[in-house]
C-alpha atoms as a PDB file:
ATOM      1  CA  MET A   1      99.034 136.177  81.354  1.00  0.00           C
ATOM      2  CA  LYS A   2     100.995 134.489  84.058  1.00  0.00           C
ATOM      3  CA  PHE A   3     100.724 130.673  84.303  1.00  0.00           C
ATOM      4  CA  ASN A   4      99.125 130.713  87.754  1.00  0.00           C
ATOM      5  CA  GLU A   5      96.398 133.108  86.398  1.00  0.00           C
ATOM      6  CA  ALA A   6      95.788 130.715  83.443  1.00  0.00           C
ATOM      7  CA  VAL A   7      95.484 127.851  85.998  1.00  0.00           C
ATOM      8  CA  ARG A   8      92.877 129.795  87.947  1.00  0.00           C
ATOM      9  CA  VAL A   9      90.920 130.326  84.570  1.00  0.00           C
ATOM     10  CA  PHE A  10      91.189 126.562  83.733  1.00  0.00           C
ATOM     11  CA  PHE A  11      89.746 125.426  87.092  1.00  0.00           C
ATOM     12  CA  GLU A  12      87.064 128.139  87.096  1.00  0.00           C
ATOM     13  CA  VAL A  13      85.808 127.150  83.681  1.00  0.00           C
ATOM     14  CA  GLY A  14      86.701 123.430  84.120  1.00  0.00           C
ATOM     15  CA  GLN A  15      84.226 122.908  87.018  1.00  0.00           C
ATOM     16  CA  ARG A  16      81.485 122.561  84.459  1.00  0.00           C
ATOM     17  CA  SER A  17      83.223 119.950  82.430  1.00  0.00           C
ATOM     18  CA  TYR A  18      85.288 117.819  84.877  1.00  0.00           C
ATOM     19  CA  SER A  19      84.449 115.962  88.106  1.00  0.00           C
ATOM     20  CA  ALA A  20      85.856 117.347  91.480  1.00  0.00           C
ATOM     21  CA  ARG A  21      88.128 114.270  91.533  1.00  0.00           C
ATOM     22  CA  THR A  22      89.485 114.856  87.974  1.00  0.00           C
ATOM     23  CA  LEU A  23      90.258 118.493  88.748  1.00  0.00           C
ATOM     24  CA  GLU A  24      91.891 117.635  92.012  1.00  0.00           C
ATOM     25  CA  LEU A  25      94.099 115.208  90.031  1.00  0.00           C
ATOM     26  CA  TYR A  26      94.898 117.760  87.312  1.00  0.00           C
ATOM     27  CA  SER A  27      95.544 120.364  89.917  1.00  0.00           C
ATOM     28  CA  ASP A  28      98.456 118.516  91.531  1.00  0.00           C
ATOM     29  CA  HIS A  29     100.240 117.929  88.109  1.00  0.00           C
ATOM     30  CA  ILE A  30      99.612 121.326  86.657  1.00  0.00           C
ATOM     31  CA  ARG A  31     100.817 123.207  89.724  1.00  0.00           C
ATOM     32  CA  ARG A  32     104.062 121.143  89.755  1.00  0.00           C
ATOM     33  CA  PHE A  33     104.673 122.164  86.322  1.00  0.00           C
ATOM     34  CA  GLY A  34     103.986 125.753  87.208  1.00  0.00           C
ATOM     35  CA  LYS A  35     106.649 125.566  89.845  1.00  0.00           C
ATOM     36  CA  PHE A  36     109.107 124.108  87.309  1.00  0.00           C
ATOM     37  CA  ILE A  37     108.603 127.072  84.842  1.00  0.00           C
ATOM     38  CA  LYS A  38     108.608 129.555  87.723  1.00  0.00           C
ATOM     39  CA  ASN A  39     105.265 131.026  86.817  1.00  0.00           C
ATOM     40  CA  LYS A  40     106.244 131.973  83.436  1.00  0.00           C
ATOM     41  CA  ASN A  41     104.021 133.869  81.037  1.00  0.00           C
ATOM     42  CA  VAL A  42     101.953 131.504  79.006  1.00  0.00           C
ATOM     43  CA  GLU A  43     102.630 133.425  75.765  1.00  0.00           C
ATOM     44  CA  ASN A  44     106.363 132.813  76.339  1.00  0.00           C
ATOM     45  CA  LEU A  45     106.100 129.013  76.879  1.00  0.00           C
ATOM     46  CA  ARG A  46     107.912 126.789  74.436  1.00  0.00           C
ATOM     47  CA  VAL A  47     107.313 123.153  73.834  1.00  0.00           C
ATOM     48  CA  ARG A  48     111.059 122.143  73.806  1.00  0.00           C
ATOM     49  CA  GLU A  49     112.434 124.520  76.418  1.00  0.00           C
ATOM     50  CA  ASP A  50     109.701 124.082  78.917  1.00  0.00           C
ATOM     51  CA  ILE A  51     107.337 121.102  78.384  1.00  0.00           C
ATOM     52  CA  ILE A  52     109.941 118.617  77.004  1.00  0.00           C
ATOM     53  CA  SER A  53     112.491 119.800  79.579  1.00  0.00           C
ATOM     54  CA  TYR A  54     109.860 119.088  82.369  1.00  0.00           C
ATOM     55  CA  LEU A  55     109.184 115.694  80.827  1.00  0.00           C
ATOM     56  CA  ARG A  56     112.809 114.776  80.856  1.00  0.00           C
ATOM     57  CA  GLN A  57     113.295 115.834  84.405  1.00  0.00           C
ATOM     58  CA  LEU A  58     110.371 113.496  85.423  1.00  0.00           C
ATOM     59  CA  GLU A  59     112.054 110.687  83.541  1.00  0.00           C
ATOM     60  CA  ARG A  60     115.384 111.260  85.220  1.00  0.00           C
ATOM     61  CA  ARG A  61     113.695 111.133  88.616  1.00  0.00           C
ATOM     62  CA  GLY A  62     112.335 107.640  87.670  1.00  0.00           C
ATOM     63  CA  ILE A  63     108.677 108.676  87.561  1.00  0.00           C
ATOM     64  CA  ALA A  64     106.532 105.996  85.909  1.00  0.00           C
ATOM     65  CA  ASP A  65     105.266 106.480  82.368  1.00  0.00           C
ATOM     66  CA  ASN A  66     101.693 106.399  83.508  1.00  0.00           C
ATOM     67  CA  THR A  67     102.250 109.256  85.929  1.00  0.00           C
ATOM     68  CA  ILE A  68     104.163 111.340  83.327  1.00  0.00           C
ATOM     69  CA  ASN A  69     101.316 110.747  80.902  1.00  0.00           C
ATOM     70  CA  ILE A  70      98.785 112.194  83.400  1.00  0.00           C
ATOM     71  CA  SER A  71     100.907 115.214  83.745  1.00  0.00           C
ATOM     72  CA  MET A  72     100.996 115.796  79.982  1.00  0.00           C
ATOM     73  CA  ILE A  73      97.270 114.995  79.595  1.00  0.00           C
ATOM     74  CA  ALA A  74      96.499 117.544  82.401  1.00  0.00           C
ATOM     75  CA  LEU A  75      98.606 120.153  80.583  1.00  0.00           C
ATOM     76  CA  ARG A  76      96.923 119.242  77.285  1.00  0.00           C
ATOM     77  CA  GLN A  77      93.439 119.740  78.751  1.00  0.00           C
ATOM     78  CA  MET A  78      94.353 123.172  80.234  1.00  0.00           C
ATOM     79  CA  TRP A  79      96.018 124.311  76.984  1.00  0.00           C
ATOM     80  CA  LYS A  80      93.077 123.168  74.899  1.00  0.00           C
ATOM     81  CA  LEU A  81      90.747 125.209  77.004  1.00  0.00           C
ATOM     82  CA  LEU A  82      93.008 128.237  76.708  1.00  0.00           C
ATOM     83  CA  CYS A  83      93.198 127.788  73.006  1.00  0.00           C
ATOM     84  CA  GLY A  84      89.432 128.122  72.784  1.00  0.00           C
ATOM     85  CA  LEU A  85      89.485 131.257  75.016  1.00  0.00           C
ATOM     86  CA  GLU A  86      92.363 133.086  73.236  1.00  0.00           C
ATOM     87  CA  ARG A  87      90.113 135.922  71.833  1.00  0.00           C
ATOM     88  CA  GLU A  88      88.205 136.298  75.106  1.00  0.00           C
ATOM     89  CA  LEU A  89      91.308 136.424  77.142  1.00  0.00           C
ATOM     90  CA  GLY A  90      93.404 138.470  74.705  1.00  0.00           C
ATOM     91  CA  LEU A  91      96.008 135.864  74.367  1.00  0.00           C
ATOM     92  CA  LYS A  92      98.239 134.705  71.483  1.00  0.00           C
ATOM     93  CA  LEU A  93      99.404 131.276  72.504  1.00  0.00           C
ATOM     94  CA  PRO A  94     102.703 130.073  70.861  1.00  0.00           C
ATOM     95  CA  PHE A  95     101.635 126.498  70.052  1.00  0.00           C
ATOM     96  CA  LEU A  96      98.436 124.262  69.857  1.00  0.00           C
ATOM     97  CA  TRP A  97      97.432 121.871  72.539  1.00  0.00           C
ATOM     98  CA  HIS A  98      98.240 118.618  70.530  1.00  0.00           C
ATOM     99  CA  ALA A  99     101.981 119.770  70.502  1.00  0.00           C
ATOM    100  CA  ILE A 100     102.142 118.653  74.157  1.00  0.00           C
ATOM    101  CA  PRO A 101     103.487 114.989  73.935  1.00  0.00           C
ATOM    102  CA  VAL A 102     101.666 111.993  75.300  1.00  0.00           C
ATOM    103  CA  LYS A 103     103.286 108.629  75.120  1.00  0.00           C
ATOM    104  CA  LYS A 104     101.028 106.078  73.378  1.00  0.00           C
ATOM    105  CA  GLY A 105     100.478 102.521  74.493  1.00  0.00           C
ATOM    106  CA  VAL A 106     100.781 103.344  78.226  1.00  0.00           C
ATOM    107  CA  ILE A 107      98.047 101.609  80.175  1.00  0.00           C
ATOM    108  CA  PRO A 108      97.550 102.853  83.703  1.00  0.00           C
ATOM    109  CA  ARG A 109      97.871 100.051  86.348  1.00  0.00           C
ATOM    110  CA  SER A 110      94.487 101.104  87.687  1.00  0.00           C
ATOM    111  CA  HIS A 111      92.951 100.371  84.385  1.00  0.00           C
ATOM    112  CA  ARG A 112      93.678  96.618  84.753  1.00  0.00           C
ATOM    113  CA  PRO A 113      90.306  94.884  84.990  1.00  0.00           C
ATOM    114  CA  ILE A 114      90.004  92.644  87.967  1.00  0.00           C
ATOM    115  CA  GLU A 115      89.158  89.067  87.135  1.00  0.00           C
ATOM    116  CA  PRO A 116      86.283  87.120  88.867  1.00  0.00           C
ATOM    117  CA  GLU A 117      88.657  84.652  90.554  1.00  0.00           C
ATOM    118  CA  GLU A 118      90.712  87.442  91.848  1.00  0.00           C
ATOM    119  CA  PHE A 119      87.718  89.196  93.331  1.00  0.00           C
ATOM    120  CA  TYR A 120      86.475  85.954  95.048  1.00  0.00           C
ATOM    121  CA  ARG A 121      89.988  85.400  96.437  1.00  0.00           C
ATOM    122  CA  GLN A 122      89.660  88.869  98.119  1.00  0.00           C
ATOM    123  CA  LEU A 123      86.185  88.058  99.495  1.00  0.00           C
ATOM    124  CA  GLN A 124      87.494  84.916 101.196  1.00  0.00           C
ATOM    125  CA  CYS A 125      89.997  87.097 103.018  1.00  0.00           C
ATOM    126  CA  VAL A 126      87.226  89.377 104.091  1.00  0.00           C
ATOM    127  CA  ASN A 127      85.546  86.354 105.686  1.00  0.00           C
ATOM    128  CA  GLY A 128      88.407  86.150 108.015  1.00  0.00           C
ATOM    129  CA  THR A 129      87.516  89.598 109.477  1.00  0.00           C
ATOM    130  CA  GLU A 130      85.080  90.109 112.325  1.00  0.00           C
ATOM    131  CA  GLY A 131      81.987  92.001 113.118  1.00  0.00           C
ATOM    132  CA  PHE A 132      81.508  95.527 111.644  1.00  0.00           C
ATOM    133  CA  PHE A 133      84.601  95.425 109.310  1.00  0.00           C
ATOM    134  CA  LEU A 134      83.584  92.082 107.877  1.00  0.00           C
ATOM    135  CA  ALA A 135      80.241  93.454 106.901  1.00  0.00           C
ATOM    136  CA  ARG A 136      81.389  96.893 105.706  1.00  0.00           C
ATOM    137  CA  ASP A 137      84.388  95.664 103.767  1.00  0.00           C
ATOM    138  CA  ALA A 138      82.472  92.856 102.073  1.00  0.00           C
ATOM    139  CA  ALA A 139      79.708  95.405 101.029  1.00  0.00           C
ATOM    140  CA  ILE A 140      82.383  97.756  99.626  1.00  0.00           C
ATOM    141  CA  LEU A 141      83.981  95.127  97.528  1.00  0.00           C
ATOM    142  CA  HIS A 142      80.580  93.824  96.270  1.00  0.00           C
ATOM    143  CA  THR A 143      79.386  97.289  95.417  1.00  0.00           C
ATOM    144  CA  LEU A 144      82.600  98.205  93.480  1.00  0.00           C
ATOM    145  CA  TYR A 145      82.714  94.816  91.608  1.00  0.00           C
ATOM    146  CA  HIS A 146      78.947  94.489  90.922  1.00  0.00           C
ATOM    147  CA  GLY A 147      78.067  98.204  90.429  1.00  0.00           C
ATOM    148  CA  GLY A 148      81.027  99.520  88.415  1.00  0.00           C
ATOM    149  CA  LEU A 149      81.168 102.756  90.343  1.00  0.00           C
ATOM    150  CA  ARG A 150      84.059 105.170  90.551  1.00  0.00           C
ATOM    151  CA  VAL A 151      85.582 105.190  93.996  1.00  0.00           C
ATOM    152  CA  SER A 152      84.479 108.896  94.513  1.00  0.00           C
ATOM    153  CA  GLU A 153      80.895 107.827  93.634  1.00  0.00           C
ATOM    154  CA  LEU A 154      81.153 104.977  96.202  1.00  0.00           C
ATOM    155  CA  THR A 155      82.294 107.218  99.139  1.00  0.00           C
ATOM    156  CA  ALA A 156      79.496 109.712  98.241  1.00  0.00           C
ATOM    157  CA  LEU A 157      76.736 107.099  98.645  1.00  0.00           C
ATOM    158  CA  ASN A 158      74.103 107.557 101.422  1.00  0.00           C
ATOM    159  CA  ILE A 159      71.788 105.068 103.057  1.00  0.00           C
ATOM    160  CA  SER A 160      68.881 106.754 101.185  1.00  0.00           C
ATOM    161  CA  SER A 161      70.656 106.043  97.977  1.00  0.00           C
ATOM    162  CA  VAL A 162      69.941 102.217  98.309  1.00  0.00           C
ATOM    163  CA  ASP A 163      66.738 100.817  96.973  1.00  0.00           C
ATOM    164  CA  PRO A 164      66.583  97.108  97.876  1.00  0.00           C
ATOM    165  CA  LYS A 165      63.259  96.413  96.180  1.00  0.00           C
ATOM    166  CA  ASP A 166      64.540  97.718  92.953  1.00  0.00           C
ATOM    167  CA  LEU A 167      68.021  96.265  93.350  1.00  0.00           C
ATOM    168  CA  SER A 168      69.325  99.709  92.547  1.00  0.00           C
ATOM    169  CA  ILE A 169      71.502 102.565  93.896  1.00  0.00           C
ATOM    170  CA  LEU A 170      71.214 106.256  93.113  1.00  0.00           C
ATOM    171  CA  THR A 171      74.669 107.539  92.322  1.00  0.00           C
ATOM    172  CA  ILE A 172      76.136 111.021  91.876  1.00  0.00           C
ATOM    173  CA  THR A 173      77.689 110.861  88.513  1.00  0.00           C
ATOM    174  CA  ARG A 174      79.121 114.404  88.517  1.00  0.00           C
ATOM    175  CA  LYS A 175      79.409 117.168  91.026  1.00  0.00           C
ATOM    176  CA  ARG A 176      79.076 120.785  89.716  1.00  0.00           C
ATOM    177  CA  ARG A 177      78.894 124.021  91.495  1.00  0.00           C
ATOM    178  CA  ASP A 178      75.312 124.706  90.437  1.00  0.00           C
ATOM    179  CA  LYS A 179      73.825 121.080  90.544  1.00  0.00           C
ATOM    180  CA  LEU A 180      74.457 117.432  91.015  1.00  0.00           C
ATOM    181  CA  ILE A 181      73.857 114.916  88.240  1.00  0.00           C
ATOM    182  CA  TYR A 182      72.577 111.425  89.302  1.00  0.00           C
ATOM    183  CA  ARG A 183      72.247 108.096  87.657  1.00  0.00           C
ATOM    184  CA  ARG A 184      70.715 104.885  88.819  1.00  0.00           C
ATOM    185  CA  ILE A 185      72.754 101.745  88.752  1.00  0.00           C
ATOM    186  CA  TYR A 186      71.678  98.130  89.266  1.00  0.00           C
ATOM    187  CA  VAL A 187      73.351  95.396  91.217  1.00  0.00           C
ATOM    188  CA  PRO A 188      72.556  91.633  91.555  1.00  0.00           C
ATOM    189  CA  ASN A 189      71.108  90.057  94.659  1.00  0.00           C
ATOM    190  CA  GLU A 190      74.486  89.049  95.931  1.00  0.00           C
ATOM    191  CA  ALA A 191      75.637  92.591  96.114  1.00  0.00           C
ATOM    192  CA  MET A 192      72.369  93.940  97.581  1.00  0.00           C
ATOM    193  CA  VAL A 193      72.412  91.136 100.330  1.00  0.00           C
ATOM    194  CA  ALA A 194      75.909  92.252 101.281  1.00  0.00           C
ATOM    195  CA  ILE A 195      74.777  95.937 101.542  1.00  0.00           C
ATOM    196  CA  LEU A 196      71.721  95.085 103.650  1.00  0.00           C
ATOM    197  CA  THR A 197      73.835  92.835 105.899  1.00  0.00           C
ATOM    198  CA  TYR A 198      76.155  95.718 106.616  1.00  0.00           C
ATOM    199  CA  LEU A 199      73.236  98.155 107.157  1.00  0.00           C
ATOM    200  CA  ASP A 200      71.855  95.855 109.893  1.00  0.00           C
ATOM    201  CA  ILE A 201      75.179  96.250 111.768  1.00  0.00           C
ATOM    202  CA  ARG A 202      75.884  99.974 110.795  1.00  0.00           C
ATOM    203  CA  GLN A 203      72.725 101.251 112.320  1.00  0.00           C
ATOM    204  CA  PHE A 204      74.106 100.900 115.815  1.00  0.00           C
ATOM    205  CA  TYR A 205      77.100 103.110 115.283  1.00  0.00           C
ATOM    206  CA  THR A 206      75.861 106.498 113.930  1.00  0.00           C
ATOM    207  CA  GLY A 207      72.666 108.294 112.733  1.00  0.00           C
ATOM    208  CA  SER A 208      74.400 109.953 109.853  1.00  0.00           C
ATOM    209  CA  ASP A 209      73.072 109.214 106.320  1.00  0.00           C
ATOM    210  CA  ALA A 210      76.616 108.287 104.939  1.00  0.00           C
ATOM    211  CA  LEU A 211      76.483 104.691 103.723  1.00  0.00           C
ATOM    212  CA  PHE A 212      80.191 103.694 104.326  1.00  0.00           C
ATOM    213  CA  ILE A 213      81.602 105.032 107.489  1.00  0.00           C
ATOM    214  CA  ASN A 214      84.755 104.944 109.626  1.00  0.00           C
ATOM    215  CA  LEU A 215      84.178 103.106 112.776  1.00  0.00           C
ATOM    216  CA  LYS A 216      86.440 105.450 114.837  1.00  0.00           C
ATOM    217  CA  ASP A 217      84.445 108.615 114.324  1.00  0.00           C
ATOM    218  CA  GLY A 218      81.337 107.606 112.427  1.00  0.00           C
ATOM    219  CA  LYS A 219      82.237 109.891 109.484  1.00  0.00           C
ATOM    220  CA  ARG A 220      82.039 109.104 105.837  1.00  0.00           C
ATOM    221  CA  LEU A 221      84.857 106.954 104.499  1.00  0.00           C
ATOM    222  CA  SER A 222      87.402 108.818 102.361  1.00  0.00           C
ATOM    223  CA  VAL A 223      88.603 107.781  98.942  1.00  0.00           C
ATOM    224  CA  ARG A 224      92.016 106.980 100.452  1.00  0.00           C
ATOM    225  CA  SER A 225      90.394 104.629 103.038  1.00  0.00           C
ATOM    226  CA  VAL A 226      88.743 102.655 100.351  1.00  0.00           C
ATOM    227  CA  GLU A 227      92.012 102.417  98.546  1.00  0.00           C
ATOM    228  CA  ARG A 228      93.734 101.033 101.668  1.00  0.00           C
ATOM    229  CA  THR A 229      90.892  98.561 102.099  1.00  0.00           C
ATOM    230  CA  VAL A 230      91.386  97.183  98.509  1.00  0.00           C
ATOM    231  CA  LYS A 231      95.145  97.022  99.113  1.00  0.00           C
ATOM    232  CA  LYS A 232      94.607  95.268 102.454  1.00  0.00           C
ATOM    233  CA  TYR A 233      92.602  92.460 100.883  1.00  0.00           C
ATOM    234  CA  SER A 234      94.639  92.168  97.877  1.00  0.00           C
ATOM    235  CA  ALA A 235      97.694  91.563 100.049  1.00  0.00           C
ATOM    236  CA  LYS A 236      95.950  88.943 102.163  1.00  0.00           C
ATOM    237  CA  ALA A 237      94.904  87.183  98.977  1.00  0.00           C
ATOM    238  CA  GLY A 238      98.470  87.043  97.811  1.00  0.00           C
ATOM    239  CA  LEU A 239      97.868  89.414  94.973  1.00  0.00           C
ATOM    240  CA  ASP A 240     100.187  92.131  93.724  1.00  0.00           C
ATOM    241  CA  THR A 241      98.921  95.204  95.571  1.00  0.00           C
ATOM    242  CA  THR A 242     100.423  97.564  92.939  1.00  0.00           C
ATOM    243  CA  LEU A 243      97.947  96.099  90.320  1.00  0.00           C
ATOM    244  CA  PHE A 244      94.762  96.499  92.256  1.00  0.00           C
ATOM    245  CA  LYS A 245      93.075  99.869  92.791  1.00  0.00           C
ATOM    246  CA  PRO A 246      89.354 100.628  93.207  1.00  0.00           C
ATOM    247  CA  HIS A 247      89.295 101.516  89.476  1.00  0.00           C
ATOM    248  CA  CYS A 248      90.034  97.924  88.591  1.00  0.00           C
ATOM    249  CA  TYR A 249      86.607  96.905  89.652  1.00  0.00           C
ATOM    250  CA  ARG A 250      85.009  99.473  87.273  1.00  0.00           C
ATOM    251  CA  HIS A 251      87.020  98.133  84.361  1.00  0.00           C
ATOM    252  CA  GLY A 252      86.279  94.598  85.445  1.00  0.00           C
ATOM    253  CA  TRP A 253      82.646  95.373  85.111  1.00  0.00           C
ATOM    254  CA  GLY A 254      82.939  96.835  81.777  1.00  0.00           C
ATOM    255  CA  LYS A 255      85.019  93.957  80.527  1.00  0.00           C
ATOM    256  CA  ARG A 256      82.473  91.393  81.798  1.00  0.00           C
ATOM    257  CA  ALA A 257      79.570  93.333  80.352  1.00  0.00           C
ATOM    258  CA  ALA A 258      81.302  93.473  76.902  1.00  0.00           C
ATOM    259  CA  LYS A 259      82.101  89.753  77.082  1.00  0.00           C
ATOM    260  CA  LEU A 260      78.388  88.988  77.798  1.00  0.00           C
ATOM    261  CA  LYS A 261      77.522  91.244  74.736  1.00  0.00           C
ATOM    262  CA  MET A 262      75.559  93.791  76.781  1.00  0.00           C
ATOM    263  CA  TYR A 263      74.103  96.597  74.618  1.00  0.00           C
ATOM    264  CA  PRO A 264      76.726  99.397  74.628  1.00  0.00           C
ATOM    265  CA  PRO A 265      74.202 102.244  75.583  1.00  0.00           C
ATOM    266  CA  HIS A 266      73.311 100.118  78.632  1.00  0.00           C
ATOM    267  CA  ILE A 267      76.986  99.846  79.616  1.00  0.00           C
ATOM    268  CA  LYS A 268      77.158 103.658  79.175  1.00  0.00           C
ATOM    269  CA  ALA A 269      74.149 104.176  81.395  1.00  0.00           C
ATOM    270  CA  GLN A 270      75.566 101.807  84.226  1.00  0.00           C
ATOM    271  CA  LEU A 271      79.023 103.333  84.256  1.00  0.00           C
ATOM    272  CA  GLY A 272      77.930 106.951  83.711  1.00  0.00           C
ATOM    273  CA  HIS A 273      80.085 107.733  80.711  1.00  0.00           C
ATOM    274  CA  THR A 274      79.465 111.044  78.996  1.00  0.00           C
ATOM    275  CA  ASN A 275      79.998 109.619  75.486  1.00  0.00           C
ATOM    276  CA  LEU A 276      79.324 106.185  74.037  1.00  0.00           C
ATOM    277  CA  SER A 277      83.022 105.937  72.943  1.00  0.00           C
ATOM    278  CA  GLY A 278      83.874 105.679  76.545  1.00  0.00           C
ATOM    279  CA  SER A 279      82.004 102.456  76.901  1.00  0.00           C
ATOM    280  CA  GLU A 280      83.150 100.964  73.490  1.00  0.00           C
ATOM    281  CA  ILE A 281      86.675 100.548  74.817  1.00  0.00           C
ATOM    282  CA  TYR A 282      85.600  97.351  76.513  1.00  0.00           C
ATOM    283  CA  PHE A 283      84.752  95.701  73.204  1.00  0.00           C
ATOM    284  CA  ASN A 284      87.704  94.070  71.694  1.00  0.00           C
ATOM    285  CA  ILE A 285      86.913  93.611  67.969  1.00  0.00           C
ATOM    286  CA  THR A 286      89.511  90.823  67.661  1.00  0.00           C
ATOM    287  CA  ASN A 287      87.540  88.403  69.752  1.00  0.00           C
ATOM    288  CA  THR A 288      84.773  86.034  68.541  1.00  0.00           C
ATOM    289  CA  ALA A 289      81.988  88.202  69.647  1.00  0.00           C
ATOM    290  CA  LEU A 290      82.089  90.278  66.403  1.00  0.00           C
ATOM    291  CA  LYS A 291      82.130  87.182  64.236  1.00  0.00           C
ATOM    292  CA  GLU A 292      79.208  85.690  66.072  1.00  0.00           C
ATOM    293  CA  GLU A 293      77.209  88.849  65.884  1.00  0.00           C
ATOM    294  CA  VAL A 294      77.727  89.271  62.143  1.00  0.00           C
ATOM    295  CA  MET A 295      76.975  85.563  61.447  1.00  0.00           C
ATOM    296  CA  GLU A 296      73.924  85.598  63.545  1.00  0.00           C
ATOM    297  CA  LYS A 297      72.360  88.828  62.314  1.00  0.00           C
ATOM    298  CA  MET A 298      73.904  89.666  58.900  1.00  0.00           C
ATOM    299  CA  GLY A 299      75.024  86.304  57.366  1.00  0.00           C
ATOM    300  CA  ASN A 300      71.857  84.563  56.756  1.00  0.00           C
ATOM    301  CA  ASP A 301      69.669  87.061  55.066  1.00  0.00           C
ATOM    302  CA  LEU A 302      70.304  85.510  51.626  1.00  0.00           C
ATOM    303  CA  PRO A 303      70.252  81.894  50.621  1.00  0.00           C
ATOM    304  CA  LEU A 304      73.757  80.394  49.603  1.00  0.00           C
ATOM    305  CA  VAL A 305      73.684  79.487  45.881  1.00  0.00           C
ATOM    306  CA  GLU A 306      75.602  76.170  45.683  1.00  0.00           C
ATOM    307  CA  SER A 307      76.454  76.537  41.897  1.00  0.00           C
ATOM    308  CA  GLN A 308      78.484  79.755  42.343  1.00  0.00           C
ATOM    309  CA  PHE A 309      81.266  77.840  44.055  1.00  0.00           C
ATOM    310  CA  LYS A 310      81.429  74.740  41.787  1.00  0.00           C
ATOM    311  CA  TYR A 311      83.941  76.287  39.396  1.00  0.00           C
ATOM    312  CA  ASN A 312      86.697  76.475  42.099  1.00  0.00           C
ATOM    313  CA  PRO A 313      87.376  73.303  44.090  1.00  0.00           C
ATOM    314  CA  GLN A 314      89.650  75.163  46.558  1.00  0.00           C
ATOM    315  CA  VAL A 315      86.824  77.414  47.495  1.00  0.00           C
ATOM    316  CA  GLN A 316      84.662  74.446  47.999  1.00  0.00           C
ATOM    317  CA  GLU A 317      87.102  72.873  50.457  1.00  0.00           C
ATOM    318  CA  VAL A 318      87.407  76.202  52.432  1.00  0.00           C
ATOM    319  CA  MET A 319      83.713  76.418  52.783  1.00  0.00           C
ATOM    320  CA  LYS A 320      83.466  72.780  54.082  1.00  0.00           C
ATOM    321  CA  VAL A 321      85.951  73.764  56.890  1.00  0.00           C
END
């Protein structure tokens, strides 16, 4: 099977497992690799000759480790799916998916959580804007920061998605060919007021249901437009624009929720993770939260017997501390 045909199978089957945004990202990286190997037969691919050679080429071009990792992860996901379909497709693949190297310890820049003080510095710069853009951009930043949405989820929001009485927003978690999967997220008063303030102004520009629109044509904002908005106010606030992407707000929400000891399944529900493990990354077991939780709930179920420490003075001193 030629590589391009294998790519077609991957995207056809992957539509049920990945979001449209993820498939779009994987598509770019996988097709570039396909051009590098000149549409070679997948059964003739070799890790060292093809994949490692491609990786080295990316390094020589000065491509960032994070971008290289995404390329390798995209190839891994495709190869993993093909491994599961070997019998059905009549293939005999030369290696398993985990043979494709991924560099450990590389944290994407977009995964850097935004801090509260950084967010409010951005908001102060929005206040220097006028009219429609002030209301819209403030609502965008508030919704990202307080809702923890993916940027693709933000741009897909409609006016009808907003429920002011319930302080909630109905969000499309995943788009599939056969159906849409929704979840309801909740935002504090501060964010809802920003959204309603924007809606008061927005109603004079277009009758479409899209929540966040472009002023020029009244059409729905694109993901790229939101990215430019974040970059714009990061620059005005004197922040490093390379460190601030829309996804930073999502990770900032998760970090704050974990710091406040929110119940992990509740974090999972708000962020729309498929598995609980996706939400547990925000809990740092080296911090004091684990100690406090253990001492509060597990450490006082039996009375301390004073006599059991009397034989060792050093232990007594430690317990006093």
